[in-house]
Amino acid sequence: MAGHRNRLENNLIENNGDKGDAAGIRVRGETRGLVFRNNIIRDTRAPEARKQAVGIRIEEQAGEVILEDNEIEARTKVEDQRKSRP
């Protein structure tokens, strides 16, 4: 029931979150085989209103995630919580 083997390419992802720190993309559960390529991830709100602190957050149970040629504007570009990376 997870989103295995999906590709997200050539997208604009911006201004996520309205309370607390948010991620532009969040990979949860045991999802695997993902590809993120040629995306722009950013927060265009005024600096004091920005909530999208992480570009891509990969949670600890996630499997393989391929990141290629993404343009990420965030305090933390990629937050990889996996203990061992596939």
N, C-alpha and C. Protein backbone atom coordinates (compact mmCIF):
# COMPACT_ATOMS: atom_id res chain seq x y z
N MET A 1 0.81 -1.20 0.00
CA MET A 1 0.00 0.00 0.00
C MET A 1 0.86 1.26 0.00
N ALA A 2 2.16 1.14 -0.19
CA ALA A 2 3.03 2.31 -0.22
C ALA A 2 3.24 2.75 -1.67
N GLY A 3 3.80 3.91 -1.84
CA GLY A 3 4.02 4.48 -3.18
C GLY A 3 5.34 4.03 -3.78
N HIS A 4 5.57 2.73 -3.90
CA HIS A 4 6.83 2.21 -4.44
C HIS A 4 6.98 2.53 -5.92
N ARG A 5 8.25 2.63 -6.33
CA ARG A 5 8.64 2.74 -7.74
C ARG A 5 7.93 3.89 -8.46
N ASN A 6 7.96 5.05 -7.87
CA ASN A 6 7.38 6.24 -8.51
C ASN A 6 8.47 7.23 -8.84
N ARG A 7 8.19 8.07 -9.84
CA ARG A 7 9.11 9.12 -10.26
C ARG A 7 8.40 10.46 -10.20
N LEU A 8 9.11 11.45 -9.69
CA LEU A 8 8.61 12.82 -9.65
C LEU A 8 9.66 13.65 -10.39
N GLU A 9 9.30 14.14 -11.58
CA GLU A 9 10.26 14.84 -12.42
C GLU A 9 9.69 16.16 -12.93
N ASN A 10 10.56 17.18 -12.98
CA ASN A 10 10.25 18.46 -13.61
C ASN A 10 9.05 19.15 -12.97
N ASN A 11 9.02 19.21 -11.65
CA ASN A 11 7.92 19.85 -10.93
C ASN A 11 8.42 21.05 -10.14
N LEU A 12 7.49 21.93 -9.82
CA LEU A 12 7.74 23.04 -8.92
C LEU A 12 6.95 22.76 -7.64
N ILE A 13 7.67 22.64 -6.54
CA ILE A 13 7.05 22.36 -5.24
C ILE A 13 7.44 23.51 -4.34
N GLU A 14 6.43 24.28 -3.88
CA GLU A 14 6.79 25.45 -3.09
C GLU A 14 5.73 25.78 -2.04
N ASN A 15 6.22 26.47 -1.01
CA ASN A 15 5.38 27.07 0.03
C ASN A 15 4.55 26.05 0.81
N ASN A 16 5.15 24.92 1.15
CA ASN A 16 4.46 23.92 1.96
C ASN A 16 4.49 24.30 3.43
N GLY A 17 3.47 23.90 4.15
CA GLY A 17 3.40 24.09 5.59
C GLY A 17 2.73 25.39 5.97
N ASP A 18 2.04 25.34 7.11
CA ASP A 18 1.45 26.56 7.65
C ASP A 18 1.68 26.67 9.15
N LYS A 19 2.12 25.58 9.79
CA LYS A 19 2.42 25.59 11.22
C LYS A 19 3.69 24.79 11.45
N GLY A 20 4.67 25.38 12.09
CA GLY A 20 5.91 24.67 12.36
C GLY A 20 6.71 24.40 11.10
N ASP A 21 7.85 23.72 11.28
CA ASP A 21 8.71 23.42 10.15
C ASP A 21 8.13 22.29 9.30
N ALA A 22 8.12 22.49 8.01
CA ALA A 22 7.56 21.51 7.08
C ALA A 22 8.64 21.11 6.07
N ALA A 23 8.35 20.02 5.35
CA ALA A 23 9.22 19.56 4.26
C ALA A 23 8.49 19.73 2.94
N GLY A 24 9.24 20.06 1.90
CA GLY A 24 8.64 20.14 0.57
C GLY A 24 8.15 18.77 0.12
N ILE A 25 8.99 17.76 0.34
CA ILE A 25 8.64 16.36 0.04
C ILE A 25 8.99 15.55 1.28
N ARG A 26 8.11 14.65 1.66
CA ARG A 26 8.37 13.77 2.80
C ARG A 26 8.12 12.33 2.37
N VAL A 27 9.15 11.49 2.50
CA VAL A 27 9.05 10.07 2.15
C VAL A 27 8.87 9.31 3.46
N ARG A 28 7.74 8.64 3.59
CA ARG A 28 7.39 7.96 4.85
C ARG A 28 7.28 6.46 4.66
N GLY A 29 7.23 5.76 5.80
CA GLY A 29 7.01 4.32 5.79
C GLY A 29 8.13 3.58 5.09
N GLU A 30 7.80 2.42 4.55
CA GLU A 30 8.79 1.56 3.91
C GLU A 30 8.80 1.76 2.39
N THR A 31 8.42 2.91 1.96
CA THR A 31 8.40 3.23 0.53
C THR A 31 9.80 3.08 -0.06
N ARG A 32 9.89 2.52 -1.27
CA ARG A 32 11.20 2.29 -1.89
C ARG A 32 11.10 2.46 -3.40
N GLY A 33 12.27 2.64 -4.00
CA GLY A 33 12.34 2.73 -5.45
C GLY A 33 11.84 4.05 -6.01
N LEU A 34 12.05 5.14 -5.27
CA LEU A 34 11.58 6.45 -5.72
C LEU A 34 12.69 7.20 -6.45
N VAL A 35 12.28 8.03 -7.40
CA VAL A 35 13.21 8.89 -8.13
C VAL A 35 12.65 10.31 -8.11
N PHE A 36 13.46 11.25 -7.65
CA PHE A 36 13.12 12.68 -7.69
C PHE A 36 14.17 13.33 -8.57
N ARG A 37 13.74 13.85 -9.73
CA ARG A 37 14.68 14.37 -10.72
C ARG A 37 14.19 15.69 -11.29
N ASN A 38 15.12 16.65 -11.36
CA ASN A 38 14.86 17.95 -12.02
C ASN A 38 13.68 18.71 -11.43
N ASN A 39 13.52 18.66 -10.12
CA ASN A 39 12.45 19.40 -9.46
C ASN A 39 13.00 20.66 -8.83
N ILE A 40 12.16 21.65 -8.68
CA ILE A 40 12.49 22.86 -7.93
C ILE A 40 11.65 22.83 -6.66
N ILE A 41 12.35 22.90 -5.52
CA ILE A 41 11.67 22.85 -4.22
C ILE A 41 12.09 24.10 -3.47
N ARG A 42 11.11 24.95 -3.11
CA ARG A 42 11.47 26.22 -2.49
C ARG A 42 10.28 26.80 -1.72
N ASP A 43 10.59 27.83 -0.95
CA ASP A 43 9.57 28.58 -0.22
C ASP A 43 9.75 30.04 -0.62
N THR A 44 8.75 30.61 -1.28
CA THR A 44 8.88 31.97 -1.81
C THR A 44 8.23 33.03 -0.90
N ARG A 45 7.70 32.59 0.24
CA ARG A 45 7.08 33.56 1.15
C ARG A 45 8.15 34.44 1.78
N ALA A 46 7.72 35.53 2.39
CA ALA A 46 8.65 36.42 3.09
C ALA A 46 9.43 35.60 4.13
N PRO A 47 10.71 35.92 4.37
CA PRO A 47 11.53 35.11 5.28
C PRO A 47 10.87 34.79 6.63
N GLU A 48 10.19 35.73 7.21
CA GLU A 48 9.57 35.50 8.52
C GLU A 48 8.34 34.59 8.45
N ALA A 49 7.81 34.35 7.26
CA ALA A 49 6.61 33.52 7.09
C ALA A 49 6.93 32.12 6.56
N ARG A 50 8.19 31.85 6.25
CA ARG A 50 8.56 30.56 5.65
C ARG A 50 8.42 29.41 6.64
N LYS A 51 7.82 28.33 6.19
CA LYS A 51 7.64 27.12 7.01
C LYS A 51 8.33 25.91 6.39
N GLN A 52 8.64 25.97 5.11
CA GLN A 52 9.25 24.84 4.42
C GLN A 52 10.76 24.84 4.71
N ALA A 53 11.13 24.28 5.86
CA ALA A 53 12.51 24.32 6.33
C ALA A 53 13.38 23.22 5.73
N VAL A 54 12.76 22.14 5.26
CA VAL A 54 13.48 21.00 4.69
C VAL A 54 13.00 20.79 3.27
N GLY A 55 13.93 20.61 2.35
CA GLY A 55 13.54 20.34 0.97
C GLY A 55 12.94 18.96 0.81
N ILE A 56 13.74 17.92 1.15
CA ILE A 56 13.29 16.54 1.07
C ILE A 56 13.62 15.85 2.39
N ARG A 57 12.62 15.29 3.04
CA ARG A 57 12.82 14.54 4.28
C ARG A 57 12.54 13.06 3.98
N ILE A 58 13.56 12.23 4.24
CA ILE A 58 13.43 10.78 4.04
C ILE A 58 13.41 10.15 5.43
N GLU A 59 12.27 9.58 5.80
CA GLU A 59 12.13 9.02 7.15
C GLU A 59 12.84 7.68 7.26
N GLU A 60 13.05 7.23 8.49
CA GLU A 60 14.00 6.15 8.77
C GLU A 60 13.68 4.79 8.15
N GLN A 61 12.46 4.47 7.85
CA GLN A 61 12.13 3.16 7.29
C GLN A 61 12.13 3.12 5.76
N ALA A 62 12.34 4.26 5.13
CA ALA A 62 12.29 4.32 3.67
C ALA A 62 13.43 3.52 3.06
N GLY A 63 13.17 3.01 1.87
CA GLY A 63 14.19 2.28 1.12
C GLY A 63 14.92 3.19 0.16
N GLU A 64 15.24 2.66 -1.01
CA GLU A 64 16.02 3.40 -1.99
C GLU A 64 15.27 4.64 -2.49
N VAL A 65 15.97 5.77 -2.46
CA VAL A 65 15.47 7.04 -3.00
C VAL A 65 16.60 7.64 -3.82
N ILE A 66 16.34 7.90 -5.08
CA ILE A 66 17.34 8.51 -5.95
C ILE A 66 17.01 9.98 -6.12
N LEU A 67 18.00 10.84 -5.86
CA LEU A 67 17.85 12.28 -6.00
C LEU A 67 18.82 12.75 -7.08
N GLU A 68 18.29 13.36 -8.15
CA GLU A 68 19.14 13.81 -9.25
C GLU A 68 18.73 15.20 -9.73
N ASP A 69 19.68 16.10 -9.74
CA ASP A 69 19.53 17.41 -10.36
C ASP A 69 18.32 18.20 -9.87
N ASN A 70 18.05 18.13 -8.57
CA ASN A 70 16.98 18.93 -7.99
C ASN A 70 17.55 20.25 -7.50
N GLU A 71 16.81 21.31 -7.64
CA GLU A 71 17.19 22.62 -7.13
C GLU A 71 16.39 22.84 -5.85
N ILE A 72 17.10 22.87 -4.71
CA ILE A 72 16.42 22.94 -3.43
C ILE A 72 16.89 24.18 -2.67
N GLU A 73 15.93 25.01 -2.28
CA GLU A 73 16.20 26.19 -1.46
C GLU A 73 15.50 25.98 -0.13
N ALA A 74 16.28 25.60 0.89
CA ALA A 74 15.74 25.35 2.23
C ALA A 74 16.90 25.37 3.21
N ARG A 75 16.59 25.59 4.50
CA ARG A 75 17.65 25.54 5.51
C ARG A 75 18.37 24.21 5.45
N THR A 76 17.60 23.12 5.31
CA THR A 76 18.16 21.78 5.16
C THR A 76 17.69 21.25 3.81
N LYS A 77 18.61 21.03 2.90
CA LYS A 77 18.21 20.56 1.56
C LYS A 77 17.64 19.15 1.62
N VAL A 78 18.38 18.21 2.23
CA VAL A 78 17.93 16.83 2.35
C VAL A 78 18.17 16.38 3.79
N GLU A 79 17.11 15.91 4.42
CA GLU A 79 17.22 15.36 5.78
C GLU A 79 16.96 13.85 5.66
N ASP A 80 18.02 13.08 5.75
CA ASP A 80 17.93 11.63 5.56
C ASP A 80 18.00 10.97 6.94
N GLN A 81 16.89 10.45 7.42
CA GLN A 81 16.81 9.87 8.76
C GLN A 81 17.08 8.36 8.76
N ARG A 82 17.36 7.79 7.61
CA ARG A 82 17.64 6.35 7.57
C ARG A 82 18.97 6.06 8.26
N LYS A 83 19.00 4.98 9.03
CA LYS A 83 20.23 4.60 9.74
C LYS A 83 21.26 4.06 8.76
N SER A 84 20.82 3.22 7.87
CA SER A 84 21.69 2.72 6.81
C SER A 84 21.01 3.04 5.49
N ARG A 85 21.78 3.55 4.59
CA ARG A 85 21.19 3.99 3.32
C ARG A 85 21.37 2.91 2.27
N PRO A 86 20.28 2.51 1.63
CA PRO A 86 20.36 1.46 0.59
C PRO A 86 21.19 1.93 -0.60
